[in-house]
Amino acid sequence: MVKVTFLTANGLIRGFHISGHALAGAPGKDIVCAAVSSAAYLTANTVTDVMDIEAGVQVDEKAGTMRLELTEEQAERAKEIIKGLELHLRGLEKIHGNHIKVIYGGV
């Protein structure tokens, strides 16, 4: 199962941590994993390369993890793109709840 933790502080999403594997299909054909990965990379790349925010990003493809952390000021600037990711992943959770879980935790 993919576990997505949105990192929150003071009512603001300050990043996310994604771990695990969806196991919703064969490797390379897992639509849940592909959807999560694509959305996470789009978000991280938009924050860092388009918005030019120096976020803390760590990726371990072998372990299946991605983490993006923002300061409060950075999170305020990036809140729309992070909210878009949240909505997308919550939608996936509604459809594929056996393969993805979205939770909220502290930074």
Protein backbone atom coordinates (compact mmCIF):
# COMPACT_ATOMS: atom_id res chain seq x y z
CA MET A 1 0.00 0.00 0.00
CA VAL A 2 1.15 3.54 -0.74
CA LYS A 3 1.10 5.71 2.36
CA VAL A 4 0.97 9.47 1.83
CA THR A 5 1.56 11.68 4.84
CA PHE A 6 0.89 15.38 4.40
CA LEU A 7 3.17 17.22 6.82
CA THR A 8 1.22 19.92 8.61
CA ALA A 9 1.99 22.71 11.05
CA ASN A 10 -0.22 25.60 12.16
CA GLY A 11 -2.98 24.57 9.75
CA LEU A 12 -0.65 24.69 6.72
CA ILE A 13 0.56 21.73 4.65
CA ARG A 14 4.34 22.01 4.78
CA GLY A 15 5.13 19.07 2.52
CA PHE A 16 4.56 15.37 2.08
CA HIS A 17 6.15 11.97 2.55
CA ILE A 18 5.19 9.11 0.25
CA SER A 19 6.25 5.52 0.87
CA GLY A 20 5.35 2.00 -0.12
CA HIS A 21 4.08 0.31 -3.23
CA ALA A 22 0.44 0.15 -4.34
CA LEU A 23 0.59 -3.46 -5.57
CA ALA A 24 -2.43 -2.72 -7.77
CA GLY A 25 -0.85 -4.36 -10.79
CA ALA A 26 2.30 -5.88 -12.17
CA PRO A 27 5.46 -3.75 -11.99
CA GLY A 28 5.29 -1.24 -14.81
CA LYS A 29 1.51 -1.67 -15.13
CA ASP A 30 0.41 -0.47 -11.69
CA ILE A 31 -1.89 2.47 -12.45
CA VAL A 32 -2.15 3.59 -8.81
CA CYS A 33 1.61 3.71 -8.36
CA ALA A 34 1.99 5.51 -11.69
CA ALA A 35 -0.66 8.10 -10.78
CA VAL A 36 0.89 8.79 -7.37
CA SER A 37 4.43 8.99 -8.73
CA SER A 38 3.48 11.25 -11.61
CA ALA A 39 1.55 13.64 -9.36
CA ALA A 40 4.32 13.72 -6.75
CA TYR A 41 7.05 14.45 -9.32
CA LEU A 42 4.89 17.11 -11.01
CA THR A 43 4.38 18.80 -7.65
CA ALA A 44 8.03 18.60 -6.59
CA ASN A 45 9.27 19.83 -9.98
CA THR A 46 6.77 22.69 -10.06
CA VAL A 47 7.74 23.81 -6.57
CA THR A 48 11.51 23.60 -7.15
CA ASP A 49 12.00 24.33 -10.85
CA VAL A 50 9.03 26.49 -11.85
CA MET A 51 8.40 28.39 -8.61
CA ASP A 52 12.14 28.40 -7.80
CA ILE A 53 11.59 27.39 -4.18
CA GLU A 54 14.60 25.70 -2.58
CA ALA A 55 12.60 22.91 -0.94
CA GLY A 56 14.08 19.94 0.80
CA VAL A 57 13.39 17.03 -1.57
CA GLN A 58 14.57 13.47 -1.05
CA VAL A 59 13.82 10.57 -3.38
CA ASP A 60 14.79 6.92 -2.99
CA GLU A 61 13.30 5.14 -5.99
CA LYS A 62 14.56 1.75 -4.88
CA ALA A 63 12.81 2.09 -1.51
CA GLY A 64 9.81 3.79 -3.13
CA THR A 65 9.95 6.99 -1.08
CA MET A 66 9.70 10.70 -1.76
CA ARG A 67 9.73 13.51 0.76
CA LEU A 68 9.29 17.24 0.19
CA GLU A 69 9.57 19.67 3.09
CA LEU A 70 8.92 23.40 3.04
CA THR A 71 9.43 26.17 5.52
CA GLU A 72 6.30 28.01 6.59
CA GLU A 73 7.08 30.85 4.16
CA GLN A 74 7.75 28.42 1.30
CA ALA A 75 4.55 26.49 2.07
CA GLU A 76 2.55 29.69 1.93
CA ARG A 77 3.96 30.38 -1.56
CA ALA A 78 3.33 26.82 -2.77
CA LYS A 79 -0.01 26.14 -1.08
CA GLU A 80 -2.06 25.97 -4.30
CA ILE A 81 0.10 23.29 -5.94
CA ILE A 82 0.29 21.32 -2.68
CA LYS A 83 -3.51 21.59 -2.33
CA GLY A 84 -3.85 20.27 -5.87
CA LEU A 85 -1.71 17.26 -4.97
CA GLU A 86 -3.79 16.70 -1.84
CA LEU A 87 -7.06 16.76 -3.82
CA HIS A 88 -5.65 14.41 -6.45
CA LEU A 89 -4.37 11.87 -3.93
CA ARG A 90 -7.56 12.01 -1.83
CA GLY A 91 -9.49 11.28 -5.04
CA LEU A 92 -7.27 8.28 -5.75
CA GLU A 93 -7.82 7.11 -2.19
CA LYS A 94 -11.60 7.18 -2.68
CA ILE A 95 -11.34 5.03 -5.80
CA HIS A 96 -8.40 2.79 -4.82
CA GLY A 97 -8.62 2.74 -1.01
CA ASN A 98 -7.10 -0.74 -0.82
CA HIS A 99 -3.91 0.58 -2.41
CA ILE A 100 -3.39 4.12 -1.09
CA LYS A 101 -3.89 5.77 2.30
CA VAL A 102 -3.67 9.53 2.91
CA ILE A 103 -2.98 10.76 6.43
CA TYR A 104 -1.87 13.98 8.08
CA GLY A 105 0.98 14.41 10.55
CA GLY A 106 3.32 16.98 12.00
CA VAL A 107 6.46 18.31 10.34
